[in-house]
Amino acid sequence: FSEESRNLFSALVDVVSSVRSNLRNTTSLDNDVTAPVDTLRDRLTERAAPSISAVALCRRVVTYGVYDEMPAEEIVAGRAVQTIIYSEIRNLRSERTDDGQNRVSLATRLELLTAEGQSVWQREEPLITDVCRRRRYDFFLAQRITLPATLNPGAYVLIVFVEDKLSSLGSETLHELAIRPPASVAINQQ
């Protein structure tokens, strides 16, 4: 076994041992029962690629998991569409700063493709840094964008790519969306 594998196995044994000893006490669990689980999660996260668990086009984003999605009928061809791309990300590396904070460093790329795979719009943010007192296990991004008025009605795929700059690992996910024809065109086609 490599040292990394031994450390992972040791963390797993600690979790099992903690759970076993706490199962004997039927009234309550010790306060520290989750500490070995947190250690195991930290070690697994160090090995994992980032994971994008949710993507939504939004009118408003308040905080993690609290947002108002944009109704599909508001995404119309012939006018610029202002929206917020909300995405949730897990499995990010964190490093301690000199002052004891925890730093996460990301890069993102958004790209819109037609149903045929032609790229029609892109946006990159080469560096997003977050510093906080506690290690982050999940993270969200709320990126304000404007889709151009020149996009034709039809089916599109939004690619959301995230790179963890500390691990150099990346992940992408696809989000389907439709750009509707303007109301006057839709009425004339019926």
Protein backbone atom coordinates (compact mmCIF):
# COMPACT_ATOMS: atom_id res chain seq x y z
CA PHE A 1 0.00 0.00 0.00
CA SER A 2 1.07 3.57 -0.63
CA GLU A 3 1.17 6.02 2.27
CA GLU A 4 -1.92 7.72 0.85
CA SER A 5 -3.79 4.36 0.80
CA ARG A 6 -2.67 3.57 4.35
CA ASN A 7 -3.91 6.97 5.56
CA LEU A 8 -7.25 6.41 3.84
CA PHE A 9 -7.60 2.92 5.33
CA SER A 10 -6.65 4.21 8.77
CA ALA A 11 -9.33 6.92 8.54
CA LEU A 12 -11.89 4.27 7.54
CA VAL A 13 -10.96 2.08 10.53
CA ASP A 14 -11.36 5.10 12.82
CA VAL A 15 -14.88 5.69 11.45
CA VAL A 16 -15.92 2.06 12.01
CA SER A 17 -14.42 2.04 15.50
CA SER A 18 -16.18 5.28 16.46
CA VAL A 19 -19.53 4.08 15.16
CA ARG A 20 -19.20 0.72 16.93
CA SER A 21 -18.38 2.27 20.28
CA ASN A 22 -21.23 4.76 19.94
CA LEU A 23 -23.78 2.09 19.01
CA ARG A 24 -23.31 0.55 22.46
CA ASN A 25 -24.73 3.71 24.03
CA THR A 26 -28.43 3.61 23.17
CA THR A 27 -29.36 6.95 24.73
CA SER A 28 -27.15 9.35 22.77
CA LEU A 29 -24.08 9.59 20.59
CA ASP A 30 -20.83 11.20 21.69
CA ASN A 31 -20.25 14.70 20.41
CA ASP A 32 -17.08 13.55 18.64
CA VAL A 33 -18.69 10.67 16.71
CA THR A 34 -18.54 12.62 13.44
CA ALA A 35 -14.88 13.71 13.78
CA PRO A 36 -13.55 10.46 12.20
CA VAL A 37 -16.15 10.79 9.43
CA ASP A 38 -14.94 14.34 8.75
CA THR A 39 -11.34 13.10 8.58
CA LEU A 40 -12.32 10.34 6.13
CA ARG A 41 -14.28 12.84 4.03
CA ASP A 42 -11.24 15.16 3.96
CA ARG A 43 -9.00 12.33 2.77
CA LEU A 44 -11.45 11.19 0.10
CA THR A 45 -11.97 14.78 -1.09
CA GLU A 46 -8.22 15.14 -1.56
CA ARG A 47 -8.39 12.32 -4.12
CA ALA A 48 -11.66 13.23 -5.85
CA ALA A 49 -12.29 15.48 -8.82
CA PRO A 50 -14.70 18.37 -8.31
CA SER A 51 -18.34 17.49 -8.79
CA ILE A 52 -21.05 19.82 -10.11
CA SER A 53 -24.24 18.69 -8.42
CA ALA A 54 -26.73 21.34 -9.61
CA VAL A 55 -27.08 23.93 -12.37
CA ALA A 56 -29.95 26.36 -12.85
CA LEU A 57 -30.68 29.55 -14.78
CA CYS A 58 -32.01 31.99 -12.20
CA ARG A 59 -33.63 35.37 -11.75
CA ARG A 60 -32.23 35.68 -8.24
CA VAL A 61 -29.75 33.81 -6.01
CA VAL A 62 -29.82 34.45 -2.26
CA THR A 63 -27.34 31.86 -0.98
CA TYR A 64 -26.48 28.17 -1.25
CA GLY A 65 -29.60 26.29 -2.38
CA VAL A 66 -31.84 29.38 -2.17
CA TYR A 67 -32.65 30.75 -5.61
CA ASP A 68 -35.51 31.61 -7.97
CA GLU A 69 -35.26 29.81 -11.29
CA MET A 70 -35.96 31.74 -14.45
CA PRO A 71 -39.16 30.53 -16.15
CA ALA A 72 -38.45 28.94 -19.55
CA GLU A 73 -40.83 31.35 -21.30
CA GLU A 74 -38.52 34.26 -20.37
CA ILE A 75 -35.69 32.90 -22.54
CA VAL A 76 -36.73 34.39 -25.87
CA ALA A 77 -34.86 34.89 -29.14
CA GLY A 78 -34.37 38.42 -30.43
CA ARG A 79 -33.58 40.01 -27.08
CA ALA A 80 -30.65 39.85 -24.71
CA VAL A 81 -31.44 37.54 -21.79
CA GLN A 82 -29.95 38.49 -18.45
CA THR A 83 -29.75 35.56 -16.05
CA ILE A 84 -27.65 34.09 -13.29
CA ILE A 85 -26.04 30.70 -13.76
CA TYR A 86 -26.25 28.99 -10.36
CA SER A 87 -24.07 25.93 -9.82
CA GLU A 88 -23.23 23.82 -6.77
CA ILE A 89 -19.78 22.27 -6.53
CA ARG A 90 -18.39 19.62 -4.18
CA ASN A 91 -15.00 17.95 -3.67
CA LEU A 92 -12.82 21.04 -3.69
CA ARG A 93 -9.33 21.18 -2.31
CA SER A 94 -8.75 23.65 0.46
CA GLU A 95 -5.45 25.00 1.69
CA ARG A 96 -4.60 26.79 4.91
CA THR A 97 -3.39 30.34 4.54
CA ASP A 98 -0.69 31.93 6.70
CA ASP A 99 -3.36 33.51 8.90
CA GLY A 100 -5.18 30.18 9.51
CA GLN A 101 -7.99 30.68 7.00
CA ASN A 102 -9.04 28.12 4.38
CA ARG A 103 -8.67 29.04 0.71
CA VAL A 104 -10.46 27.53 -2.29
CA SER A 105 -9.37 28.47 -5.80
CA LEU A 106 -11.41 27.75 -8.94
CA ALA A 107 -11.66 28.55 -12.61
CA THR A 108 -14.87 28.26 -14.62
CA ARG A 109 -15.93 28.19 -18.23
CA LEU A 110 -19.48 28.48 -19.51
CA GLU A 111 -20.23 27.58 -23.11
CA LEU A 112 -23.50 27.45 -25.02
CA LEU A 113 -23.82 24.96 -27.88
CA THR A 114 -26.54 24.48 -30.46
CA ALA A 115 -28.22 21.08 -30.70
CA GLU A 116 -25.76 20.38 -33.54
CA GLY A 117 -22.78 21.08 -31.26
CA GLN A 118 -21.79 24.51 -32.63
CA SER A 119 -20.42 26.88 -30.00
CA VAL A 120 -22.39 30.16 -30.05
CA TRP A 121 -21.38 31.81 -26.76
CA GLN A 122 -18.62 31.47 -24.12
CA ARG A 123 -17.50 33.03 -20.89
CA GLU A 124 -14.49 32.24 -18.70
CA GLU A 125 -13.50 33.25 -15.21
CA PRO A 126 -9.87 32.19 -14.88
CA LEU A 127 -9.65 32.64 -11.09
CA ILE A 128 -12.27 32.63 -8.35
CA THR A 129 -10.87 32.61 -4.82
CA ASP A 130 -12.78 32.14 -1.59
CA VAL A 131 -11.26 32.44 1.89
CA CYS A 132 -13.14 31.53 5.07
CA ARG A 133 -12.59 30.31 8.62
CA ARG A 134 -13.87 26.76 8.05
CA ARG A 135 -13.08 24.29 5.33
CA ARG A 136 -15.72 24.27 2.62
CA TYR A 137 -17.27 20.93 1.71
CA ASP A 138 -19.60 22.44 -0.83
CA PHE A 139 -19.63 25.67 -2.70
CA PHE A 140 -21.90 27.60 -5.00
CA LEU A 141 -21.30 30.02 -7.81
CA ALA A 142 -23.76 32.65 -9.02
CA GLN A 143 -22.46 34.02 -12.32
CA ARG A 144 -24.38 36.90 -13.91
CA ILE A 145 -24.46 36.57 -17.68
CA THR A 146 -26.23 38.05 -20.67
CA LEU A 147 -27.11 35.73 -23.52
CA PRO A 148 -26.99 37.69 -26.81
CA ALA A 149 -30.10 38.71 -28.71
CA THR A 150 -28.62 37.11 -31.84
CA LEU A 151 -29.35 33.54 -30.68
CA ASN A 152 -31.92 31.72 -32.82
CA PRO A 153 -34.88 29.86 -31.33
CA GLY A 154 -34.17 26.22 -30.62
CA ALA A 155 -32.59 23.68 -28.31
CA TYR A 156 -29.23 24.45 -26.70
CA VAL A 157 -26.84 22.85 -24.25
CA LEU A 158 -25.02 24.89 -21.61
CA ILE A 159 -21.70 23.36 -20.59
CA VAL A 160 -20.54 24.31 -17.10
CA PHE A 161 -16.86 23.46 -16.52
CA VAL A 162 -15.11 23.93 -13.18
CA GLU A 163 -11.41 23.46 -12.48
CA ASP A 164 -10.09 23.19 -8.95
CA LYS A 165 -6.87 25.20 -9.26
CA LEU A 166 -5.32 23.58 -6.14
CA SER A 167 -5.67 20.01 -7.44
CA SER A 168 -5.67 20.80 -11.19
CA LEU A 169 -8.71 18.52 -11.52
CA GLY A 170 -11.81 19.54 -13.41
CA SER A 171 -15.37 18.51 -14.06
CA GLU A 172 -18.16 19.53 -16.40
CA THR A 173 -21.86 19.06 -16.60
CA LEU A 174 -24.46 19.73 -19.28
CA HIS A 175 -27.67 21.71 -18.82
CA GLU A 176 -30.28 21.69 -21.58
CA LEU A 177 -32.27 24.81 -22.34
CA ALA A 178 -34.53 26.13 -25.06
CA ILE A 179 -34.63 29.56 -26.58
CA ARG A 180 -38.20 30.30 -27.55
CA PRO A 181 -39.29 32.26 -30.59
CA PRO A 182 -40.67 35.75 -29.95
CA ALA A 183 -44.42 35.73 -29.18
CA SER A 184 -45.34 37.38 -32.51
CA VAL A 185 -43.52 34.65 -34.47
CA ALA A 186 -45.02 31.86 -32.34
CA ILE A 187 -48.56 33.16 -32.98
CA ASN A 188 -47.98 33.41 -36.76
CA GLN A 189 -46.69 29.82 -36.90
CA GLN A 190 -49.90 28.32 -35.46
